[in-house]
Amino acid sequence: MDKRQRKAFFRRLTCICIAALLIVQSGMYLNTDAVYAEADQDAYIVITKDDEKAEKLKEDHTVLAENGDALTVELTDSQAAQMETDKDIVCVEKDFTIEAEAETGKDMVKPLDENWNLDFRITKMKTFAEAAGYTNSSVLSDFGKLQTK
């Protein structure tokens, strides 16, 4: 090797070493152990086949509510999609709340006598019983005590 070739070789070697050091240094500042937050977690209703899977879900995720093998769990969309493929999971559905305005006012609950119109019905029953030939004593013995106001 002549002098010119050696000089070019060492320049290339120096450039390669500098590039390698830059790559290694940039990799040192990246934290590979960090867990990056995914999308927001939502409430999902998860129904499991057995108690073992339900217990594992309780250990691994935040459980908001529980009813036997049905759990309301906080999950991300990707976690829910992954759970749907699990053979021990029966169903994974996003939980939601149904909102409706409640009816209020006099029409909602009527007093018993207005709702059933009992006085009229008792009078009508008594009239039909008398027309059919029943006396008060036979009506009371056959059908029980008939109450009137």
Foldseek 3Di string as FASTA:
>chain_A
DDPVVVVVVVVVVVVVVVVVVVVVVVVVPDDPPDDDDDDFWAWKKWAFQDPVVVVVLVVPFPWPDDDHRITTTTDDPVVLVVVVPDPGIDDIGGDDDDDDDDDDDDVPDDDPCVVVVVQVVLVVVVVVCVVVPHDQVNCCVPPNDRDHD
